Amino acid sequence: MKRLMTLFAALAIFAVSASAMSLSKARTEALFLSDKMAYELSLSLSQYEAVYEINLDYMLGLSTIADLEGVYWMRRNADLHYVLSGWQWERYTQIADFYRPMSYVKRNSFDLILRSRYTQKHSFFYERPAIYGSYRGGHNAGNQSYYANRDFHKPTASTAPHYGSSAPQPYGTTHGSTRGNPSYHSTTPPSHNATPAQPPTPSQSAAGGRTPGTASTRGGSRGR
């Protein structure tokens, strides 16, 4: 009996350490991040849903500080490479709190860096993606990206990214990248061949753009 109790305790410890973030918290953080990516990168509905899945998979894989830029971070970038258009990918890599979205606080605790820029934690630009309640992770398992051979409605380069009163001009450093097909085993995410559109200045904010699905009025925020 004592041996059985020890086994159960070991399994419980393993279950906690396997993912530092509960499914509920991971969903919340993935939704918040994906909503802001949808707004600033002008994602289409199909892109928005895929980006949410990819962000959720990444967050569920976090356990130690090494995971911030570990295998799940590389898989996230490999997956996003297939989902985003050329200019969206280039813009994504230039926005620090999109490209490296999480910070390590302490053991089994991570924070979403984006919340320091979007301080209203219950404000969203768009409705939840349809798969929010049903998707529980797993598309990043295996050796090939789940998104490699799927079609997404990608906005053209003429659809410029936009910023609103709740979305100040993103900051960050452009990260070097190599060209070619993304790999789950590469250390540097590749770049599209397309030339990215030049982002507008803050004075050109909220000037049109594509909305994913049933979005709220552009430039505003929607609370849950």
Protein backbone atom coordinates (compact mmCIF):
# COMPACT_ATOMS: atom_id res chain seq x y z
CA MET A 1 0.00 0.00 0.00
CA LYS A 2 2.83 2.38 0.91
CA ARG A 3 4.52 1.65 -2.41
CA LEU A 4 1.27 2.37 -4.26
CA MET A 5 0.86 5.72 -2.49
CA THR A 6 4.43 6.63 -3.42
CA LEU A 7 3.69 5.81 -7.05
CA PHE A 8 0.59 8.00 -7.05
CA ALA A 9 2.55 10.87 -5.51
CA ALA A 10 5.26 10.54 -8.16
CA LEU A 11 2.66 10.55 -10.94
CA ALA A 12 1.05 13.67 -9.47
CA ILE A 13 4.40 15.47 -9.37
CA PHE A 14 5.08 14.46 -12.98
CA ALA A 15 1.67 15.74 -14.10
CA VAL A 16 2.34 19.14 -12.53
CA SER A 17 5.87 19.45 -13.90
CA ALA A 18 4.87 18.33 -17.40
CA SER A 19 3.04 21.63 -17.94
CA ALA A 20 3.49 24.60 -15.65
CA MET A 21 0.28 26.17 -16.90
CA SER A 22 -3.20 24.75 -16.44
CA LEU A 23 -5.38 24.33 -19.51
CA SER A 24 -7.68 27.08 -18.26
CA LYS A 25 -4.88 29.62 -17.82
CA ALA A 26 -3.21 28.58 -21.07
CA ARG A 27 -6.48 29.19 -22.93
CA THR A 28 -6.86 32.61 -21.33
CA GLU A 29 -3.34 33.70 -22.19
CA ALA A 30 -3.43 32.19 -25.69
CA LEU A 31 -6.71 33.97 -26.43
CA PHE A 32 -5.40 37.34 -25.19
CA LEU A 33 -2.21 37.02 -27.24
CA SER A 34 -4.00 35.76 -30.37
CA ASP A 35 -6.61 38.52 -30.22
CA LYS A 36 -3.90 41.19 -30.21
CA MET A 37 -1.95 39.42 -32.97
CA ALA A 38 -5.17 39.31 -35.02
CA TYR A 39 -5.58 43.06 -34.62
CA GLU A 40 -2.01 44.19 -35.21
CA LEU A 41 -1.28 41.72 -38.03
CA SER A 42 -4.73 41.95 -39.68
CA LEU A 43 -5.33 38.21 -39.49
CA SER A 44 -8.15 36.59 -41.39
CA LEU A 45 -10.59 34.31 -39.54
CA SER A 46 -8.80 31.11 -40.57
CA GLN A 47 -5.46 32.60 -39.56
CA TYR A 48 -6.86 33.76 -36.22
CA GLU A 49 -8.09 30.27 -35.33
CA ALA A 50 -4.79 28.67 -36.34
CA VAL A 51 -2.76 31.25 -34.41
CA TYR A 52 -4.83 30.56 -31.29
CA GLU A 53 -4.14 26.82 -31.59
CA ILE A 54 -0.43 27.44 -32.09
CA ASN A 55 -0.18 29.81 -29.13
CA LEU A 56 -2.08 27.38 -26.90
CA ASP A 57 0.23 24.52 -27.85
CA TYR A 58 3.25 26.64 -26.99
CA MET A 59 1.92 27.67 -23.60
CA LEU A 60 0.96 24.12 -22.68
CA GLY A 61 4.56 23.11 -23.37
CA LEU A 62 6.08 25.56 -20.89
CA SER A 63 7.61 24.00 -17.81
CA THR A 64 11.07 25.48 -17.18
CA ILE A 65 12.91 28.65 -18.18
CA ALA A 66 14.61 26.69 -20.97
CA ASP A 67 11.20 26.15 -22.61
CA LEU A 68 10.80 29.88 -23.35
CA GLU A 69 12.96 29.46 -26.45
CA GLY A 70 13.09 25.68 -26.51
CA VAL A 71 11.57 23.10 -28.82
CA TYR A 72 7.98 24.34 -28.40
CA TRP A 73 9.04 27.89 -29.22
CA MET A 74 10.75 26.64 -32.38
CA ARG A 75 7.66 24.63 -33.31
CA ARG A 76 5.49 27.69 -32.72
CA ASN A 77 7.56 29.69 -35.18
CA ALA A 78 7.62 26.85 -37.70
CA ASP A 79 3.83 26.61 -37.54
CA LEU A 80 3.30 30.37 -37.75
CA HIS A 81 5.52 30.50 -40.82
CA TYR A 82 2.93 28.45 -42.71
CA VAL A 83 -0.06 30.41 -41.39
CA LEU A 84 1.14 34.00 -41.89
CA SER A 85 1.67 35.80 -45.17
CA GLY A 86 5.06 37.25 -46.09
CA TRP A 87 4.56 40.74 -44.67
CA GLN A 88 2.74 39.37 -41.61
CA TRP A 89 5.66 37.07 -40.83
CA GLU A 90 8.21 39.86 -41.16
CA ARG A 91 6.11 42.13 -38.96
CA TYR A 92 5.61 39.36 -36.40
CA THR A 93 9.35 38.86 -35.98
CA GLN A 94 9.77 42.61 -35.37
CA ILE A 95 7.32 42.75 -32.45
CA ALA A 96 9.13 41.65 -29.31
CA ASP A 97 6.10 40.62 -27.25
CA PHE A 98 4.67 38.56 -30.14
CA TYR A 99 7.94 36.87 -31.10
CA ARG A 100 8.94 36.07 -27.51
CA PRO A 101 5.61 36.34 -25.71
CA MET A 102 6.32 34.80 -22.29
CA SER A 103 8.63 35.62 -19.38
CA TYR A 104 9.75 33.30 -16.60
CA VAL A 105 8.74 34.47 -13.13
CA LYS A 106 9.62 31.57 -10.87
CA ARG A 107 9.31 27.80 -10.81
CA ASN A 108 6.20 26.72 -12.70
CA SER A 109 5.14 30.33 -13.25
CA PHE A 110 5.16 32.36 -16.47
CA ASP A 111 3.77 35.77 -17.42
CA LEU A 112 2.48 37.04 -20.75
CA ILE A 113 4.69 40.04 -21.55
CA LEU A 114 2.01 41.59 -23.76
CA ARG A 115 -0.09 42.44 -20.69
CA SER A 116 2.30 45.27 -19.85
CA ARG A 117 1.30 46.91 -23.14
CA TYR A 118 -2.39 45.97 -23.11
CA THR A 119 -3.29 46.68 -19.51
CA GLN A 120 -7.07 46.07 -19.74
CA LYS A 121 -7.02 42.32 -19.17
CA HIS A 122 -10.66 41.72 -20.12
CA SER A 123 -10.69 43.82 -23.32
CA PHE A 124 -10.69 42.06 -26.68
CA PHE A 125 -11.00 43.19 -30.29
CA TYR A 126 -12.68 40.03 -31.58
CA GLU A 127 -14.96 37.19 -30.58
CA ARG A 128 -13.41 33.96 -29.38
CA PRO A 129 -12.41 31.57 -32.18
CA ALA A 130 -14.89 28.76 -32.79
CA ILE A 131 -12.44 26.13 -31.56
CA TYR A 132 -11.79 27.91 -28.24
CA GLY A 133 -13.87 25.49 -26.17
CA SER A 134 -12.95 22.29 -28.00
CA TYR A 135 -9.25 22.49 -28.81
CA ARG A 136 -7.05 21.13 -26.03
CA GLY A 137 -3.68 21.11 -27.76
CA GLY A 138 -1.67 18.52 -29.64
CA HIS A 139 -1.26 19.90 -33.15
CA ASN A 140 2.43 20.55 -32.49
CA ALA A 141 3.17 16.88 -31.82
CA GLY A 142 5.13 14.95 -34.43
CA ASN A 143 7.94 15.81 -36.81
CA GLN A 144 5.98 17.76 -39.44
CA SER A 145 3.94 20.89 -38.99
CA TYR A 146 0.19 20.31 -38.83
CA TYR A 147 -0.26 23.53 -40.84
CA ALA A 148 2.20 22.77 -43.65
CA ASN A 149 -0.30 21.73 -46.32
CA ARG A 150 -3.34 23.72 -45.24
CA ASP A 151 -4.87 26.72 -46.95
CA PHE A 152 -5.37 30.00 -45.14
CA HIS A 153 -7.01 33.18 -46.33
CA LYS A 154 -3.92 35.37 -46.21
CA PRO A 155 -4.33 39.14 -46.63
CA THR A 156 -2.28 40.63 -49.44
CA ALA A 157 0.66 42.95 -48.85
CA SER A 158 -1.63 45.88 -49.65
CA THR A 159 -3.48 45.22 -46.39
CA ALA A 160 -1.31 47.21 -44.02
CA PRO A 161 -1.09 46.47 -40.30
CA HIS A 162 -2.85 48.99 -38.14
CA TYR A 163 -2.74 50.33 -34.63
CA GLY A 164 -5.48 51.77 -32.45
CA SER A 165 -5.75 53.64 -29.18
CA SER A 166 -5.35 50.36 -27.30
CA ALA A 167 -2.55 49.21 -29.59
CA PRO A 168 0.45 51.55 -29.56
CA GLN A 169 3.02 51.09 -32.28
CA PRO A 170 4.76 47.77 -31.51
CA TYR A 171 8.35 47.79 -30.46
CA GLY A 172 11.12 45.24 -30.80
CA THR A 173 14.14 44.21 -32.78
CA THR A 174 14.12 42.54 -36.17
CA HIS A 175 15.52 39.06 -35.74
CA GLY A 176 17.72 37.57 -38.43
CA SER A 177 16.33 34.59 -40.28
CA THR A 178 17.18 32.20 -43.05
CA ARG A 179 15.16 31.32 -46.11
CA GLY A 180 13.66 27.95 -46.85
CA ASN A 181 11.07 25.62 -45.39
CA PRO A 182 10.60 25.72 -41.62
CA SER A 183 11.75 22.76 -39.56
CA TYR A 184 10.80 21.65 -36.08
CA HIS A 185 14.49 21.01 -35.53
CA SER A 186 15.90 24.33 -36.76
CA THR A 187 17.10 26.93 -34.28
CA THR A 188 16.18 29.93 -36.43
CA PRO A 189 12.75 30.33 -38.05
CA PRO A 190 12.97 30.97 -41.81
CA SER A 191 11.66 34.02 -43.60
CA HIS A 192 9.20 34.27 -46.46
CA ASN A 193 10.53 35.55 -49.76
CA ALA A 194 7.82 38.20 -49.97
CA THR A 195 8.72 41.80 -49.21
CA PRO A 196 6.76 43.03 -46.18
CA ALA A 197 4.56 46.08 -46.42
CA GLN A 198 5.84 49.14 -44.61
CA PRO A 199 3.90 49.71 -41.36
CA PRO A 200 2.02 52.99 -41.00
CA THR A 201 3.04 55.73 -38.63
CA PRO A 202 0.93 56.18 -35.47
CA SER A 203 -0.92 59.05 -37.16
CA GLN A 204 -2.22 56.57 -39.72
CA SER A 205 -3.66 54.29 -37.03
CA ALA A 206 -6.89 52.39 -37.39
CA ALA A 207 -6.95 52.96 -41.15
CA GLY A 208 -8.87 50.00 -42.47
CA GLY A 209 -7.75 46.37 -42.55
CA ARG A 210 -9.14 42.86 -42.54
CA THR A 211 -11.12 41.59 -39.57
CA PRO A 212 -11.34 37.98 -38.47
CA GLY A 213 -14.95 36.85 -38.51
CA THR A 214 -17.43 38.74 -36.37
CA ALA A 215 -15.10 41.41 -35.10
CA SER A 216 -16.13 44.35 -32.99
CA THR A 217 -15.81 47.86 -34.40
CA ARG A 218 -12.19 48.62 -35.28
CA GLY A 219 -10.29 50.89 -32.95
CA GLY A 220 -12.36 49.83 -29.95
CA SER A 221 -12.13 47.03 -27.42
CA ARG A 222 -14.66 44.43 -26.44
CA GLY A 223 -14.88 43.16 -22.90
CA ARG A 224 -15.82 39.66 -21.96
